[in-house]
């Protein structure tokens, strides 16, 4: 009767066999992706002809100096002020209703057109004309909006000041 198997020997590959296996896998990959590799080599050739590879290599060699310069520029007060202002504006704009913003932008565009039309006519505005236009619903609406806008802005300045 045969003895039971109690130990399985795993065949260990020699260093040369491991290298040969990797080379075979690489050959297979090269054969499968021939067109992709050709395109990649063409792109690399174009980048090299344009001098971009040399520039990228120089940047990599000087990466520490470039990082110091970039950090020095970013930490300057005008840049930090700009970043803080952009963050503040983004926060404020995100609180505004987008439909109202679109309506306001259209109103501003119409106002610019009307103002330009007045400039083209060259008509002089008289004091009595100012009193008459208060009865115009469009002007009254814009003046009311402006006055309440200024009131809200003043309240905000009082609270923050």
N, C-alpha and C. Protein backbone atom coordinates (compact mmCIF):
# COMPACT_ATOMS: atom_id res chain seq x y z
N UNK A 1 0.84 -1.17 0.00
CA UNK A 1 0.00 0.00 0.00
C UNK A 1 0.89 1.23 0.00
N UNK A 2 0.41 2.28 -0.64
CA UNK A 2 1.22 3.51 -0.76
C UNK A 2 1.08 4.35 0.49
N UNK A 3 2.10 5.13 0.73
CA UNK A 3 2.06 6.03 1.89
C UNK A 3 1.25 7.28 1.55
N UNK A 4 0.50 7.84 2.52
CA UNK A 4 -0.25 9.07 2.25
C UNK A 4 0.71 10.26 2.07
N UNK A 5 0.24 11.20 1.24
CA UNK A 5 1.07 12.40 0.98
C UNK A 5 0.89 13.33 2.17
N UNK A 6 1.99 13.66 2.79
CA UNK A 6 1.94 14.55 3.95
C UNK A 6 2.65 15.86 3.69
N UNK A 7 3.37 15.92 2.59
CA UNK A 7 4.13 17.13 2.30
C UNK A 7 4.10 17.38 0.81
N UNK A 8 3.76 18.61 0.42
CA UNK A 8 3.73 18.98 -1.00
C UNK A 8 4.90 19.92 -1.25
N UNK A 9 5.69 19.54 -2.20
CA UNK A 9 6.82 20.39 -2.54
C UNK A 9 6.39 21.37 -3.62
N UNK A 10 6.64 22.60 -3.33
CA UNK A 10 6.34 23.65 -4.31
C UNK A 10 7.61 23.89 -5.10
N UNK A 11 7.47 23.89 -6.40
CA UNK A 11 8.63 24.10 -7.25
C UNK A 11 8.99 25.58 -7.18
N UNK A 12 10.16 25.87 -6.72
CA UNK A 12 10.63 27.25 -6.67
C UNK A 12 11.40 27.53 -7.93
N UNK A 13 11.04 28.67 -8.51
CA UNK A 13 11.68 29.06 -9.76
C UNK A 13 13.02 29.70 -9.46
N UNK A 14 13.95 29.44 -10.35
CA UNK A 14 15.26 30.08 -10.20
C UNK A 14 15.15 31.52 -10.65
N UNK A 15 16.14 32.28 -10.36
CA UNK A 15 16.16 33.70 -10.74
C UNK A 15 16.03 33.83 -12.26
N UNK A 16 16.73 32.98 -13.00
CA UNK A 16 16.67 33.02 -14.47
C UNK A 16 15.28 32.67 -14.98
N UNK A 17 14.61 31.71 -14.34
CA UNK A 17 13.26 31.33 -14.74
C UNK A 17 12.26 32.45 -14.46
N UNK A 18 12.44 33.15 -13.32
CA UNK A 18 11.57 34.29 -13.00
C UNK A 18 11.74 35.39 -14.03
N UNK A 19 12.99 35.67 -14.40
CA UNK A 19 13.26 36.70 -15.41
C UNK A 19 12.63 36.30 -16.74
N UNK A 20 12.78 35.03 -17.13
CA UNK A 20 12.22 34.55 -18.39
C UNK A 20 10.69 34.66 -18.38
N UNK A 21 10.06 34.32 -17.25
CA UNK A 21 8.61 34.43 -17.14
C UNK A 21 8.16 35.88 -17.29
N UNK A 22 8.87 36.79 -16.65
CA UNK A 22 8.52 38.21 -16.78
C UNK A 22 8.70 38.69 -18.21
N UNK A 23 9.78 38.24 -18.87
CA UNK A 23 10.00 38.62 -20.27
C UNK A 23 8.88 38.09 -21.17
N UNK A 24 8.43 36.87 -20.92
CA UNK A 24 7.33 36.31 -21.70
C UNK A 24 6.04 37.11 -21.50
N UNK A 25 5.76 37.50 -20.25
CA UNK A 25 4.57 38.31 -19.97
C UNK A 25 4.67 39.66 -20.66
N UNK A 26 5.86 40.24 -20.64
CA UNK A 26 6.07 41.54 -21.29
C UNK A 26 5.90 41.43 -22.80
N UNK A 27 6.41 40.35 -23.40
CA UNK A 27 6.22 40.13 -24.84
C UNK A 27 4.74 40.03 -25.18
N UNK A 28 4.00 39.33 -24.35
CA UNK A 28 2.57 39.17 -24.56
C UNK A 28 1.85 40.52 -24.49
N UNK A 29 2.21 41.32 -23.48
CA UNK A 29 1.61 42.66 -23.36
C UNK A 29 1.95 43.54 -24.55
N UNK A 30 3.20 43.48 -25.00
CA UNK A 30 3.62 44.28 -26.16
C UNK A 30 2.83 43.87 -27.41
N UNK A 31 2.64 42.57 -27.58
CA UNK A 31 1.89 42.10 -28.74
C UNK A 31 0.42 42.52 -28.67
N UNK A 32 -0.16 42.47 -27.47
CA UNK A 32 -1.57 42.82 -27.31
C UNK A 32 -1.83 44.31 -27.47
N UNK A 33 -0.86 45.14 -27.12
CA UNK A 33 -1.07 46.60 -27.13
C UNK A 33 -0.11 47.31 -28.09
N UNK A 34 0.11 46.70 -29.22
CA UNK A 34 1.04 47.24 -30.21
C UNK A 34 0.65 48.64 -30.67
N UNK A 35 -0.63 48.85 -31.03
CA UNK A 35 -1.08 50.16 -31.51
C UNK A 35 -0.99 51.22 -30.41
N UNK A 36 -1.37 50.84 -29.20
CA UNK A 36 -1.32 51.79 -28.07
C UNK A 36 0.11 52.25 -27.82
N UNK A 37 1.04 51.31 -27.84
CA UNK A 37 2.44 51.66 -27.59
C UNK A 37 3.00 52.52 -28.71
N UNK A 38 2.61 52.23 -29.94
CA UNK A 38 3.07 53.05 -31.07
C UNK A 38 2.59 54.48 -30.92
N UNK A 39 1.31 54.65 -30.55
CA UNK A 39 0.77 56.00 -30.34
C UNK A 39 1.47 56.70 -29.19
N UNK A 40 1.72 55.97 -28.11
CA UNK A 40 2.40 56.55 -26.96
C UNK A 40 3.81 57.02 -27.34
N UNK A 41 4.51 56.22 -28.10
CA UNK A 41 5.87 56.60 -28.53
C UNK A 41 5.83 57.82 -29.46
N UNK A 42 4.80 57.90 -30.30
CA UNK A 42 4.67 59.08 -31.17
C UNK A 42 4.45 60.34 -30.33
N UNK A 43 3.59 60.22 -29.31
CA UNK A 43 3.32 61.36 -28.42
C UNK A 43 4.59 61.79 -27.70
N UNK A 44 5.32 60.82 -27.19
CA UNK A 44 6.56 61.14 -26.50
C UNK A 44 7.55 61.81 -27.45
N UNK A 45 7.61 61.33 -28.70
CA UNK A 45 8.48 61.95 -29.70
C UNK A 45 8.09 63.40 -29.96
N UNK A 46 6.80 63.67 -30.08
CA UNK A 46 6.32 65.04 -30.31
C UNK A 46 6.65 65.94 -29.11
N UNK A 47 6.45 65.42 -27.90
CA UNK A 47 6.78 66.19 -26.70
C UNK A 47 8.27 66.50 -26.64
N UNK A 48 9.08 65.53 -27.05
CA UNK A 48 10.52 65.74 -27.05
C UNK A 48 10.93 66.79 -28.08
N UNK A 49 10.34 66.72 -29.27
CA UNK A 49 10.65 67.71 -30.31
C UNK A 49 10.24 69.11 -29.90
N UNK A 50 9.16 69.22 -29.15
CA UNK A 50 8.68 70.53 -28.70
C UNK A 50 9.50 71.03 -27.51
N UNK A 51 10.37 70.19 -26.96
CA UNK A 51 11.19 70.61 -25.84
C UNK A 51 10.50 70.48 -24.49
N UNK A 52 9.32 69.88 -24.49
CA UNK A 52 8.57 69.77 -23.24
C UNK A 52 9.16 68.73 -22.30
N UNK A 53 9.73 67.67 -22.84
CA UNK A 53 10.34 66.67 -21.96
C UNK A 53 11.55 67.24 -21.24
N UNK A 54 12.33 68.02 -21.96
CA UNK A 54 13.50 68.65 -21.34
C UNK A 54 13.05 69.64 -20.26
N UNK A 55 11.99 70.40 -20.56
CA UNK A 55 11.48 71.36 -19.58
C UNK A 55 10.94 70.63 -18.35
N UNK A 56 10.21 69.54 -18.57
CA UNK A 56 9.66 68.78 -17.45
C UNK A 56 10.79 68.19 -16.61
N UNK A 57 11.82 67.71 -17.27
CA UNK A 57 12.97 67.16 -16.55
C UNK A 57 13.66 68.24 -15.72
N UNK A 58 13.82 69.42 -16.30
CA UNK A 58 14.45 70.52 -15.57
C UNK A 58 13.60 70.93 -14.36
N UNK A 59 12.28 70.92 -14.55
CA UNK A 59 11.39 71.25 -13.43
C UNK A 59 11.49 70.21 -12.32
N UNK A 60 11.58 68.96 -12.70
CA UNK A 60 11.72 67.91 -11.69
C UNK A 60 13.04 68.05 -10.93
N UNK A 61 14.09 68.43 -11.64
CA UNK A 61 15.39 68.60 -10.99
C UNK A 61 15.35 69.77 -10.00
N UNK A 62 14.58 70.80 -10.35
CA UNK A 62 14.53 72.01 -9.52
C UNK A 62 13.25 72.08 -8.69
N UNK A 63 12.61 70.95 -8.43
CA UNK A 63 11.30 70.96 -7.76
C UNK A 63 11.33 71.61 -6.39
N UNK A 64 12.39 71.44 -5.64
CA UNK A 64 12.46 72.05 -4.31
C UNK A 64 12.51 73.58 -4.42
N UNK A 65 13.31 74.08 -5.34
CA UNK A 65 13.40 75.53 -5.53
C UNK A 65 12.06 76.09 -6.01
N UNK A 66 11.43 75.37 -6.94
CA UNK A 66 10.14 75.82 -7.47
C UNK A 66 9.09 75.83 -6.36
N UNK A 67 9.09 74.81 -5.51
CA UNK A 67 8.13 74.75 -4.41
C UNK A 67 8.34 75.91 -3.44
N UNK A 68 9.59 76.24 -3.14
CA UNK A 68 9.87 77.36 -2.24
C UNK A 68 9.38 78.68 -2.84
N UNK A 69 9.62 78.86 -4.13
CA UNK A 69 9.18 80.09 -4.80
C UNK A 69 7.65 80.17 -4.79
N UNK A 70 7.00 79.05 -5.13
CA UNK A 70 5.54 79.04 -5.18
C UNK A 70 4.95 79.32 -3.80
N UNK A 71 5.49 78.69 -2.78
CA UNK A 71 4.99 78.94 -1.43
C UNK A 71 5.24 80.38 -1.00
N UNK A 72 6.38 80.92 -1.39
CA UNK A 72 6.68 82.32 -1.07
C UNK A 72 5.69 83.27 -1.73
N UNK A 73 5.31 82.97 -2.98
CA UNK A 73 4.37 83.83 -3.70
C UNK A 73 2.96 83.69 -3.13
N UNK A 74 2.56 82.47 -2.81
CA UNK A 74 1.21 82.24 -2.30
C UNK A 74 1.03 82.86 -0.92
N UNK A 75 2.10 82.91 -0.13
CA UNK A 75 1.96 83.42 1.24
C UNK A 75 2.07 84.94 1.32
N UNK A 76 2.26 85.60 0.18
CA UNK A 76 2.29 87.07 0.18
C UNK A 76 0.90 87.61 0.53
N UNK A 77 0.88 88.76 1.20
CA UNK A 77 -0.40 89.33 1.68
C UNK A 77 -1.41 89.57 0.56
N UNK A 78 -1.00 90.14 -0.58
CA UNK A 78 -2.02 90.34 -1.63
C UNK A 78 -2.67 89.04 -2.09
N UNK A 79 -1.89 87.97 -2.16
CA UNK A 79 -2.44 86.69 -2.62
C UNK A 79 -3.36 86.11 -1.56
N UNK A 80 -2.96 86.16 -0.31
CA UNK A 80 -3.84 85.64 0.75
C UNK A 80 -5.11 86.47 0.85
N UNK A 81 -4.99 87.79 0.65
CA UNK A 81 -6.20 88.64 0.64
C UNK A 81 -7.12 88.23 -0.51
N UNK A 82 -6.54 87.98 -1.67
CA UNK A 82 -7.34 87.57 -2.83
C UNK A 82 -8.06 86.25 -2.54
N UNK A 83 -7.35 85.29 -1.97
CA UNK A 83 -7.96 84.00 -1.66
C UNK A 83 -9.08 84.17 -0.64
N UNK A 84 -8.83 84.95 0.40
CA UNK A 84 -9.87 85.19 1.41
C UNK A 84 -11.08 85.90 0.82
N UNK A 85 -10.83 86.88 -0.05
CA UNK A 85 -11.94 87.60 -0.69
C UNK A 85 -12.74 86.67 -1.59
N UNK A 86 -12.06 85.82 -2.36
CA UNK A 86 -12.76 84.89 -3.24
C UNK A 86 -13.61 83.91 -2.42
N UNK A 87 -13.07 83.46 -1.29
CA UNK A 87 -13.85 82.56 -0.45
C UNK A 87 -15.06 83.27 0.13
N UNK A 88 -14.89 84.53 0.53
CA UNK A 88 -16.02 85.31 1.05
C UNK A 88 -17.08 85.55 0.00
N UNK A 89 -16.66 85.90 -1.21
CA UNK A 89 -17.61 86.14 -2.30
C UNK A 89 -18.32 84.83 -2.65
N UNK A 90 -17.59 83.73 -2.70
CA UNK A 90 -18.21 82.44 -3.02
C UNK A 90 -19.25 82.08 -1.96
N UNK A 91 -18.94 82.35 -0.70
CA UNK A 91 -19.90 82.07 0.37
C UNK A 91 -21.14 82.94 0.24
N UNK A 92 -20.93 84.21 -0.07
CA UNK A 92 -22.07 85.12 -0.21
C UNK A 92 -22.93 84.75 -1.42
N UNK A 93 -22.30 84.45 -2.53
CA UNK A 93 -23.03 84.12 -3.75
C UNK A 93 -23.80 82.82 -3.58
N UNK A 94 -23.25 81.88 -2.81
CA UNK A 94 -23.95 80.61 -2.62
C UNK A 94 -25.22 80.78 -1.80
N UNK A 95 -25.36 81.90 -1.07
CA UNK A 95 -26.57 82.15 -0.28
C UNK A 95 -27.66 82.85 -1.08
N UNK A 96 -27.35 83.30 -2.29
CA UNK A 96 -28.31 84.04 -3.10
C UNK A 96 -29.08 83.08 -3.99
N UNK A 97 -30.38 83.31 -4.11
CA UNK A 97 -31.23 82.50 -4.97
C UNK A 97 -30.81 82.68 -6.42
N UNK A 98 -30.46 81.61 -7.14
CA UNK A 98 -29.99 81.73 -8.52
C UNK A 98 -31.01 82.37 -9.46
N UNK A 99 -32.29 82.10 -9.25
CA UNK A 99 -33.32 82.69 -10.10
C UNK A 99 -33.35 84.21 -9.92
N UNK A 100 -33.21 84.66 -8.66
CA UNK A 100 -33.20 86.09 -8.41
C UNK A 100 -31.95 86.73 -9.01
N UNK A 101 -30.82 86.04 -8.93
CA UNK A 101 -29.58 86.57 -9.51
C UNK A 101 -29.74 86.75 -11.01
N UNK A 102 -30.34 85.76 -11.68
CA UNK A 102 -30.57 85.87 -13.13
C UNK A 102 -31.50 87.04 -13.44
N UNK A 103 -32.54 87.20 -12.65
CA UNK A 103 -33.49 88.31 -12.84
C UNK A 103 -32.77 89.64 -12.64
N UNK A 104 -31.93 89.73 -11.61
CA UNK A 104 -31.20 90.96 -11.33
C UNK A 104 -30.23 91.29 -12.47
N UNK A 105 -29.54 90.27 -12.99
CA UNK A 105 -28.60 90.50 -14.10
C UNK A 105 -29.34 90.98 -15.35
N UNK A 106 -30.50 90.40 -15.63
CA UNK A 106 -31.30 90.87 -16.77
C UNK A 106 -31.75 92.30 -16.56
N UNK A 107 -32.13 92.64 -15.32
CA UNK A 107 -32.56 94.00 -15.01
C UNK A 107 -31.41 94.98 -15.20
N UNK A 108 -30.22 94.59 -14.78
CA UNK A 108 -29.05 95.46 -14.96
C UNK A 108 -28.77 95.68 -16.44
N UNK A 109 -28.90 94.62 -17.24
CA UNK A 109 -28.68 94.74 -18.68
C UNK A 109 -29.69 95.70 -19.29
N UNK A 110 -30.96 95.56 -18.90
CA UNK A 110 -31.98 96.48 -19.41
C UNK A 110 -31.70 97.91 -18.97
N UNK A 111 -31.26 98.07 -17.72
CA UNK A 111 -30.94 99.41 -17.22
C UNK A 111 -29.80 100.05 -17.99
N UNK A 112 -28.79 99.26 -18.32
CA UNK A 112 -27.67 99.79 -19.11
C UNK A 112 -28.13 100.21 -20.49
N UNK A 113 -29.02 99.42 -21.10
CA UNK A 113 -29.54 99.79 -22.43
C UNK A 113 -30.31 101.10 -22.37
N UNK A 114 -31.18 101.23 -21.34
CA UNK A 114 -31.96 102.47 -21.19
C UNK A 114 -31.05 103.66 -20.91
N UNK A 115 -30.07 103.46 -20.05
CA UNK A 115 -29.13 104.53 -19.75
C UNK A 115 -28.34 104.96 -20.97
N UNK A 116 -27.94 104.01 -21.78
CA UNK A 116 -27.21 104.32 -23.00
C UNK A 116 -28.10 105.07 -23.99
N UNK A 117 -29.36 104.65 -24.04
CA UNK A 117 -30.32 105.36 -24.92
C UNK A 117 -30.45 106.82 -24.50
N UNK A 118 -30.51 107.06 -23.19
CA UNK A 118 -30.60 108.44 -22.69
C UNK A 118 -29.34 109.23 -23.07
N UNK A 119 -28.19 108.59 -22.94
CA UNK A 119 -26.94 109.28 -23.30
C UNK A 119 -26.91 109.64 -24.78
N UNK A 120 -27.46 108.76 -25.62
CA UNK A 120 -27.48 109.02 -27.05
C UNK A 120 -28.40 110.20 -27.39
N UNK A 121 -29.53 110.32 -26.67
CA UNK A 121 -30.47 111.42 -26.91
C UNK A 121 -29.91 112.74 -26.44
N UNK A 122 -29.19 112.72 -25.35
CA UNK A 122 -28.63 113.96 -24.81
C UNK A 122 -29.65 114.85 -24.13
N UNK A 123 -30.82 114.30 -23.76
CA UNK A 123 -31.84 115.10 -23.09
C UNK A 123 -31.36 115.50 -21.71
N UNK A 124 -31.73 116.72 -21.31
CA UNK A 124 -31.37 117.21 -20.00
C UNK A 124 -32.47 116.82 -19.01
N UNK A 125 -32.08 116.34 -17.82
CA UNK A 125 -33.05 115.97 -16.80
C UNK A 125 -33.29 117.18 -15.90
N UNK A 126 -34.56 117.49 -15.74
CA UNK A 126 -34.93 118.64 -14.91
C UNK A 126 -35.49 118.13 -13.59
N UNK A 127 -35.50 119.01 -12.58
CA UNK A 127 -35.97 118.64 -11.25
C UNK A 127 -37.41 118.16 -11.30
N UNK A 128 -38.22 118.84 -12.09
CA UNK A 128 -39.63 118.48 -12.20
C UNK A 128 -39.78 117.08 -12.83
N UNK A 129 -38.87 116.75 -13.73
CA UNK A 129 -38.88 115.41 -14.34
C UNK A 129 -38.65 114.33 -13.27
N UNK A 130 -37.77 114.63 -12.31
CA UNK A 130 -37.49 113.68 -11.23
C UNK A 130 -38.75 113.38 -10.41
N UNK A 131 -39.50 114.44 -10.13
CA UNK A 131 -40.72 114.25 -9.34
C UNK A 131 -41.76 113.46 -10.13
N UNK A 132 -41.84 113.69 -11.43
CA UNK A 132 -42.82 113.00 -12.26
C UNK A 132 -42.50 111.51 -12.37
N UNK A 133 -41.22 111.18 -12.50
CA UNK A 133 -40.88 109.78 -12.74
C UNK A 133 -41.10 108.90 -11.51
N UNK A 134 -41.28 109.50 -10.35
CA UNK A 134 -41.57 108.69 -9.17
C UNK A 134 -42.90 107.97 -9.32
N UNK A 135 -43.79 108.48 -10.16
CA UNK A 135 -45.06 107.82 -10.41
C UNK A 135 -44.93 106.66 -11.40
N UNK A 136 -43.80 106.60 -12.12
CA UNK A 136 -43.56 105.51 -13.06
C UNK A 136 -43.31 104.23 -12.24
N UNK A 137 -44.12 103.17 -12.43
CA UNK A 137 -43.97 101.97 -11.61
C UNK A 137 -42.59 101.31 -11.72
N UNK A 138 -41.98 101.35 -12.91
CA UNK A 138 -40.67 100.73 -13.08
C UNK A 138 -39.60 101.48 -12.28
N UNK A 139 -39.64 102.79 -12.36
CA UNK A 139 -38.66 103.60 -11.63
C UNK A 139 -38.91 103.49 -10.13
N UNK A 140 -40.17 103.50 -9.74
CA UNK A 140 -40.50 103.39 -8.32
C UNK A 140 -40.03 102.04 -7.77
N UNK A 141 -40.19 100.99 -8.55
CA UNK A 141 -39.75 99.66 -8.13
C UNK A 141 -38.22 99.64 -7.96
N UNK A 142 -37.49 100.23 -8.91
CA UNK A 142 -36.02 100.24 -8.84
C UNK A 142 -35.54 101.10 -7.67
N UNK A 143 -36.19 102.23 -7.45
CA UNK A 143 -35.80 103.10 -6.32
C UNK A 143 -36.10 102.39 -5.00
N UNK A 144 -37.26 101.76 -4.91
CA UNK A 144 -37.61 101.01 -3.69
C UNK A 144 -36.62 99.89 -3.43
N UNK A 145 -36.24 99.17 -4.48
CA UNK A 145 -35.26 98.10 -4.33
C UNK A 145 -33.94 98.68 -3.86
N UNK A 146 -33.52 99.77 -4.48
CA UNK A 146 -32.24 100.40 -4.11
C UNK A 146 -32.24 100.89 -2.67
N UNK A 147 -33.33 101.52 -2.26
CA UNK A 147 -33.40 102.03 -0.89
C UNK A 147 -33.37 100.88 0.14
N UNK A 148 -34.12 99.83 -0.13
CA UNK A 148 -34.13 98.69 0.80
C UNK A 148 -32.80 97.94 0.76
N UNK A 149 -32.18 97.89 -0.41
CA UNK A 149 -30.85 97.30 -0.51
C UNK A 149 -29.88 98.07 0.38
N UNK A 150 -29.91 99.40 0.28
CA UNK A 150 -29.02 100.23 1.10
C UNK A 150 -29.32 100.07 2.59
N UNK A 151 -30.61 99.94 2.93
CA UNK A 151 -30.97 99.75 4.33
C UNK A 151 -30.40 98.42 4.85
N UNK A 152 -30.58 97.35 4.09
CA UNK A 152 -30.05 96.05 4.50
C UNK A 152 -28.53 96.06 4.58
N UNK A 153 -27.90 96.74 3.66
CA UNK A 153 -26.44 96.83 3.68
C UNK A 153 -25.99 97.60 4.91
N UNK A 154 -26.70 98.68 5.23
CA UNK A 154 -26.37 99.46 6.42
C UNK A 154 -26.54 98.65 7.69
N UNK A 155 -27.60 97.84 7.76
CA UNK A 155 -27.80 96.98 8.93
C UNK A 155 -26.68 95.97 9.04
N UNK A 156 -26.27 95.42 7.91
CA UNK A 156 -25.17 94.46 7.92
C UNK A 156 -23.87 95.10 8.37
N UNK A 157 -23.64 96.33 7.95
CA UNK A 157 -22.43 97.03 8.37
C UNK A 157 -22.46 97.33 9.85
N UNK A 158 -23.64 97.63 10.37
CA UNK A 158 -23.78 97.92 11.80
C UNK A 158 -23.48 96.67 12.62
N UNK A 159 -24.02 95.52 12.19
CA UNK A 159 -23.82 94.27 12.90
C UNK A 159 -22.37 93.81 12.85
N UNK A 160 -21.71 94.02 11.72
CA UNK A 160 -20.33 93.56 11.58
C UNK A 160 -19.32 94.57 12.10
N UNK A 161 -19.74 95.81 12.27
CA UNK A 161 -18.80 96.87 12.66
C UNK A 161 -18.71 97.00 14.09
